[in-house]
Amino acid sequence: MKAYKTRIGCMAVFLLLVGGCGDTRQKEVGVSGTGKVDDSFEEPLVIETTGDIIVDINDGDNDFDPFRMLNDSDVFEAVQGILDNANWETAEVSMSRSADYRVEIVDKRDKEKPVKTVYYLWTNPEHKNIELVDYDNTRYTLMNKPDSEKLYKFLTDRNLSDHVVIE
């Protein structure tokens, strides 16, 4: 009886090895919404965006923590339009406190050479506007109220009037 169990065990191990080490490739099959088997399985769709927006929030120790990443082309175009229409001044500025947010915009419209711009954003909920500084290009802007509200909403998904400044 013991020999019989040993033979059955050896055969089971042998069959598992033969079945698992086969050289045949399996075909991936997708299922369509109609309940029928779909033989035309395709790779996942890759959506290219015109740009990425990375928003980091001040952690209170003069450093920034990841907050949001936006890669919707419509949002990118809207934010880029607001920034392009801002009244930028060439100036080196020094603020009394560290920025509330760091915003990194990666413009991928030129596929050969993406352009990265880093803005530092200060909020002023009292006056309902924001200030932006681009240290790399020595630019500064105090945005008007409507554009401040729109830009802040795009970047943080919050209302500017709800922001609390921590000194």
C-alpha atoms as a PDB file:
ATOM      1  CA  MET A   1       0.000   0.000   0.000  1.00  0.00           C
ATOM      2  CA  LYS A   2       2.898   2.307   0.827  1.00  0.00           C
ATOM      3  CA  ALA A   3       4.485   1.708  -2.601  1.00  0.00           C
ATOM      4  CA  TYR A   4       1.164   2.515  -4.306  1.00  0.00           C
ATOM      5  CA  LYS A   5       0.930   5.906  -2.539  1.00  0.00           C
ATOM      6  CA  THR A   6       4.542   6.677  -3.413  1.00  0.00           C
ATOM      7  CA  ARG A   7       3.924   5.942  -7.127  1.00  0.00           C
ATOM      8  CA  ILE A   8       0.801   8.135  -7.168  1.00  0.00           C
ATOM      9  CA  GLY A   9       2.716  10.954  -5.459  1.00  0.00           C
ATOM     10  CA  CYS A  10       5.622  10.695  -7.920  1.00  0.00           C
ATOM     11  CA  MET A  11       3.249  10.711 -10.884  1.00  0.00           C
ATOM     12  CA  ALA A  12       1.476  13.816  -9.554  1.00  0.00           C
ATOM     13  CA  VAL A  13       4.786  15.676  -9.122  1.00  0.00           C
ATOM     14  CA  PHE A  14       5.894  14.569 -12.610  1.00  0.00           C
ATOM     15  CA  LEU A  15       2.662  15.795 -14.209  1.00  0.00           C
ATOM     16  CA  LEU A  16       2.925  19.144 -12.417  1.00  0.00           C
ATOM     17  CA  LEU A  17       6.501  19.609 -13.637  1.00  0.00           C
ATOM     18  CA  VAL A  18       5.660  18.671 -17.216  1.00  0.00           C
ATOM     19  CA  GLY A  19       2.574  20.875 -17.272  1.00  0.00           C
ATOM     20  CA  GLY A  20       4.311  23.860 -15.646  1.00  0.00           C
ATOM     21  CA  CYS A  21       7.448  23.752 -17.770  1.00  0.00           C
ATOM     22  CA  GLY A  22       5.728  23.621 -21.135  1.00  0.00           C
ATOM     23  CA  ASP A  23       7.064  25.887 -23.889  1.00  0.00           C
ATOM     24  CA  THR A  24       3.683  26.949 -25.215  1.00  0.00           C
ATOM     25  CA  ARG A  25       2.630  30.575 -24.835  1.00  0.00           C
ATOM     26  CA  GLN A  26      -0.825  31.448 -23.669  1.00  0.00           C
ATOM     27  CA  LYS A  27      -2.874  33.939 -25.623  1.00  0.00           C
ATOM     28  CA  GLU A  28      -4.449  36.743 -23.617  1.00  0.00           C
ATOM     29  CA  VAL A  29      -8.142  36.998 -24.263  1.00  0.00           C
ATOM     30  CA  GLY A  30     -10.252  39.994 -23.321  1.00  0.00           C
ATOM     31  CA  VAL A  31     -13.950  39.977 -22.624  1.00  0.00           C
ATOM     32  CA  SER A  32     -16.141  42.546 -24.309  1.00  0.00           C
ATOM     33  CA  GLY A  33     -19.197  44.097 -22.714  1.00  0.00           C
ATOM     34  CA  THR A  34     -21.469  41.854 -24.783  1.00  0.00           C
ATOM     35  CA  GLY A  35     -20.482  38.718 -22.884  1.00  0.00           C
ATOM     36  CA  LYS A  36     -18.670  37.263 -25.904  1.00  0.00           C
ATOM     37  CA  VAL A  37     -14.992  36.405 -25.844  1.00  0.00           C
ATOM     38  CA  ASP A  38     -12.968  39.073 -27.627  1.00  0.00           C
ATOM     39  CA  ASP A  39      -9.862  37.672 -29.360  1.00  0.00           C
ATOM     40  CA  SER A  40      -8.554  41.114 -30.309  1.00  0.00           C
ATOM     41  CA  PHE A  41      -7.012  41.985 -26.926  1.00  0.00           C
ATOM     42  CA  GLU A  42      -5.110  45.255 -27.165  1.00  0.00           C
ATOM     43  CA  GLU A  43      -2.560  46.940 -24.950  1.00  0.00           C
ATOM     44  CA  PRO A  44      -3.891  49.598 -22.558  1.00  0.00           C
ATOM     45  CA  LEU A  45      -4.451  52.986 -24.145  1.00  0.00           C
ATOM     46  CA  VAL A  46      -1.711  55.484 -23.304  1.00  0.00           C
ATOM     47  CA  ILE A  47      -2.939  59.067 -23.178  1.00  0.00           C
ATOM     48  CA  GLU A  48      -0.352  61.728 -23.824  1.00  0.00           C
ATOM     49  CA  THR A  49      -0.846  65.032 -22.058  1.00  0.00           C
ATOM     50  CA  THR A  50       0.370  68.458 -23.070  1.00  0.00           C
ATOM     51  CA  GLY A  51       1.872  68.999 -19.639  1.00  0.00           C
ATOM     52  CA  ASP A  52       2.041  68.084 -15.990  1.00  0.00           C
ATOM     53  CA  ILE A  53       1.486  70.281 -12.959  1.00  0.00           C
ATOM     54  CA  ILE A  54       3.067  69.184  -9.687  1.00  0.00           C
ATOM     55  CA  VAL A  55       1.869  71.047  -6.606  1.00  0.00           C
ATOM     56  CA  ASP A  56       3.822  70.773  -3.347  1.00  0.00           C
ATOM     57  CA  ILE A  57       2.572  72.261  -0.068  1.00  0.00           C
ATOM     58  CA  ASN A  58       4.685  73.959   2.598  1.00  0.00           C
ATOM     59  CA  ASP A  59       5.182  71.609   5.545  1.00  0.00           C
ATOM     60  CA  GLY A  60       5.786  74.434   8.051  1.00  0.00           C
ATOM     61  CA  ASP A  61       9.550  73.792   8.269  1.00  0.00           C
ATOM     62  CA  ASN A  62      10.506  75.683   5.080  1.00  0.00           C
ATOM     63  CA  ASP A  63      10.269  72.489   3.069  1.00  0.00           C
ATOM     64  CA  PHE A  64       7.600  71.166   0.715  1.00  0.00           C
ATOM     65  CA  ASP A  65       5.639  67.915   0.702  1.00  0.00           C
ATOM     66  CA  PRO A  66       3.875  66.437  -2.346  1.00  0.00           C
ATOM     67  CA  PHE A  67       0.272  67.651  -2.528  1.00  0.00           C
ATOM     68  CA  ARG A  68      -1.236  67.084  -5.995  1.00  0.00           C
ATOM     69  CA  MET A  69      -0.284  66.104  -9.503  1.00  0.00           C
ATOM     70  CA  LEU A  70      -2.428  67.277 -12.376  1.00  0.00           C
ATOM     71  CA  ASN A  71      -2.026  65.837 -15.860  1.00  0.00           C
ATOM     72  CA  ASP A  72      -5.340  66.727 -17.474  1.00  0.00           C
ATOM     73  CA  SER A  73      -4.638  68.600 -20.715  1.00  0.00           C
ATOM     74  CA  ASP A  74      -7.637  70.920 -20.257  1.00  0.00           C
ATOM     75  CA  VAL A  75      -6.506  71.921 -16.762  1.00  0.00           C
ATOM     76  CA  PHE A  76      -2.943  72.391 -18.006  1.00  0.00           C
ATOM     77  CA  GLU A  77      -4.094  74.672 -20.828  1.00  0.00           C
ATOM     78  CA  ALA A  78      -6.303  76.707 -18.455  1.00  0.00           C
ATOM     79  CA  VAL A  79      -3.498  77.163 -15.907  1.00  0.00           C
ATOM     80  CA  GLN A  80      -0.997  78.001 -18.636  1.00  0.00           C
ATOM     81  CA  GLY A  81      -3.423  80.586 -20.054  1.00  0.00           C
ATOM     82  CA  ILE A  82      -3.843  82.260 -16.651  1.00  0.00           C
ATOM     83  CA  LEU A  83      -0.072  82.375 -16.141  1.00  0.00           C
ATOM     84  CA  ASP A  84       0.568  83.681 -19.663  1.00  0.00           C
ATOM     85  CA  ASN A  85      -1.972  86.499 -19.165  1.00  0.00           C
ATOM     86  CA  ALA A  86      -0.561  87.524 -15.778  1.00  0.00           C
ATOM     87  CA  ASN A  87       1.119  90.907 -15.461  1.00  0.00           C
ATOM     88  CA  TRP A  88       4.680  89.693 -14.836  1.00  0.00           C
ATOM     89  CA  GLU A  89       7.334  92.125 -13.642  1.00  0.00           C
ATOM     90  CA  THR A  90      11.066  91.559 -13.844  1.00  0.00           C
ATOM     91  CA  ALA A  91      12.099  91.824 -10.223  1.00  0.00           C
ATOM     92  CA  GLU A  92      14.054  90.050  -7.525  1.00  0.00           C
ATOM     93  CA  VAL A  93      11.753  89.827  -4.538  1.00  0.00           C
ATOM     94  CA  SER A  94      12.150  88.771  -0.943  1.00  0.00           C
ATOM     95  CA  MET A  95       9.032  87.696   0.919  1.00  0.00           C
ATOM     96  CA  SER A  96       8.435  87.943   4.670  1.00  0.00           C
ATOM     97  CA  ARG A  97       7.477  84.257   4.938  1.00  0.00           C
ATOM     98  CA  SER A  98       8.100  81.115   2.951  1.00  0.00           C
ATOM     99  CA  ALA A  99       5.795  80.236   0.088  1.00  0.00           C
ATOM    100  CA  ASP A 100       2.566  78.353   0.747  1.00  0.00           C
ATOM    101  CA  TYR A 101       2.969  76.200  -2.363  1.00  0.00           C
ATOM    102  CA  ARG A 102       5.622  75.275  -4.899  1.00  0.00           C
ATOM    103  CA  VAL A 103       4.176  74.671  -8.360  1.00  0.00           C
ATOM    104  CA  GLU A 104       6.230  72.859 -10.980  1.00  0.00           C
ATOM    105  CA  ILE A 105       4.880  73.041 -14.507  1.00  0.00           C
ATOM    106  CA  VAL A 106       6.292  70.703 -17.139  1.00  0.00           C
ATOM    107  CA  ASP A 107       5.272  71.866 -20.603  1.00  0.00           C
ATOM    108  CA  LYS A 108       5.434  68.854 -22.957  1.00  0.00           C
ATOM    109  CA  ARG A 109       3.955  70.534 -26.024  1.00  0.00           C
ATOM    110  CA  ASP A 110       7.426  70.458 -27.603  1.00  0.00           C
ATOM    111  CA  LYS A 111       8.056  66.709 -27.492  1.00  0.00           C
ATOM    112  CA  GLU A 112      11.754  67.166 -28.238  1.00  0.00           C
ATOM    113  CA  LYS A 113      12.475  69.376 -25.235  1.00  0.00           C
ATOM    114  CA  PRO A 114       9.955  69.689 -22.373  1.00  0.00           C
ATOM    115  CA  VAL A 115      10.182  72.975 -20.467  1.00  0.00           C
ATOM    116  CA  LYS A 116      10.054  72.936 -16.675  1.00  0.00           C
ATOM    117  CA  THR A 117       9.170  76.087 -14.726  1.00  0.00           C
ATOM    118  CA  VAL A 118       8.961  76.303 -10.937  1.00  0.00           C
ATOM    119  CA  TYR A 119       6.733  78.926  -9.331  1.00  0.00           C
ATOM    120  CA  TYR A 120       6.438  79.752  -5.647  1.00  0.00           C
ATOM    121  CA  LEU A 121       2.933  80.773  -4.612  1.00  0.00           C
ATOM    122  CA  TRP A 122       1.888  82.949  -1.670  1.00  0.00           C
ATOM    123  CA  THR A 123      -1.751  83.304  -0.734  1.00  0.00           C
ATOM    124  CA  ASN A 124      -3.449  86.387   0.623  1.00  0.00           C
ATOM    125  CA  PRO A 125      -6.987  85.269   1.480  1.00  0.00           C
ATOM    126  CA  GLU A 126      -7.692  88.628   3.115  1.00  0.00           C
ATOM    127  CA  HIS A 127      -7.425  90.419  -0.232  1.00  0.00           C
ATOM    128  CA  LYS A 128      -8.429  87.296  -2.202  1.00  0.00           C
ATOM    129  CA  ASN A 129      -5.370  87.185  -4.413  1.00  0.00           C
ATOM    130  CA  ILE A 130      -2.127  85.291  -4.818  1.00  0.00           C
ATOM    131  CA  GLU A 131       1.443  86.247  -5.559  1.00  0.00           C
ATOM    132  CA  LEU A 132       3.727  84.166  -7.737  1.00  0.00           C
ATOM    133  CA  VAL A 133       7.498  84.262  -8.017  1.00  0.00           C
ATOM    134  CA  ASP A 134       9.554  82.582 -10.715  1.00  0.00           C
ATOM    135  CA  TYR A 135      13.069  82.737  -9.245  1.00  0.00           C
ATOM    136  CA  ASP A 136      14.716  81.139 -12.294  1.00  0.00           C
ATOM    137  CA  ASN A 137      13.553  83.969 -14.570  1.00  0.00           C
ATOM    138  CA  THR A 138      13.442  86.668 -11.830  1.00  0.00           C
ATOM    139  CA  ARG A 139       9.745  87.361 -12.393  1.00  0.00           C
ATOM    140  CA  TYR A 140       7.009  88.380  -9.958  1.00  0.00           C
ATOM    141  CA  THR A 141       3.272  88.923 -10.271  1.00  0.00           C
ATOM    142  CA  LEU A 142       0.423  89.906  -7.992  1.00  0.00           C
ATOM    143  CA  MET A 143      -2.556  88.313  -9.683  1.00  0.00           C
ATOM    144  CA  ASN A 144      -5.973  89.937  -9.903  1.00  0.00           C
ATOM    145  CA  LYS A 145      -8.800  88.511  -7.790  1.00  0.00           C
ATOM    146  CA  PRO A 146     -10.700  86.523 -10.455  1.00  0.00           C
ATOM    147  CA  ASP A 147      -7.551  84.902 -11.853  1.00  0.00           C
ATOM    148  CA  SER A 148      -6.286  84.218  -8.321  1.00  0.00           C
ATOM    149  CA  GLU A 149      -9.491  82.389  -7.441  1.00  0.00           C
ATOM    150  CA  LYS A 150      -9.424  80.351 -10.668  1.00  0.00           C
ATOM    151  CA  LEU A 151      -5.741  79.447 -10.433  1.00  0.00           C
ATOM    152  CA  TYR A 152      -5.977  78.518  -6.746  1.00  0.00           C
ATOM    153  CA  LYS A 153      -9.019  76.330  -7.430  1.00  0.00           C
ATOM    154  CA  PHE A 154      -7.238  74.531 -10.293  1.00  0.00           C
ATOM    155  CA  LEU A 155      -4.076  73.928  -8.273  1.00  0.00           C
ATOM    156  CA  THR A 156      -5.556  72.972  -4.900  1.00  0.00           C
ATOM    157  CA  ASP A 157      -9.211  72.101  -5.590  1.00  0.00           C
ATOM    158  CA  ARG A 158     -10.092  74.507  -2.769  1.00  0.00           C
ATOM    159  CA  ASN A 159     -11.429  78.054  -2.578  1.00  0.00           C
ATOM    160  CA  LEU A 160      -8.933  80.822  -1.910  1.00  0.00           C
ATOM    161  CA  SER A 161     -11.224  82.384   0.688  1.00  0.00           C
ATOM    162  CA  ASP A 162     -11.018  79.123   2.706  1.00  0.00           C
ATOM    163  CA  HIS A 163      -7.208  79.212   2.904  1.00  0.00           C
ATOM    164  CA  VAL A 164      -5.661  79.981   6.291  1.00  0.00           C
ATOM    165  CA  VAL A 165      -2.188  81.514   6.420  1.00  0.00           C
ATOM    166  CA  ILE A 166       0.057  80.066   9.126  1.00  0.00           C
ATOM    167  CA  GLU A 167       2.773  82.507  10.135  1.00  0.00           C
END
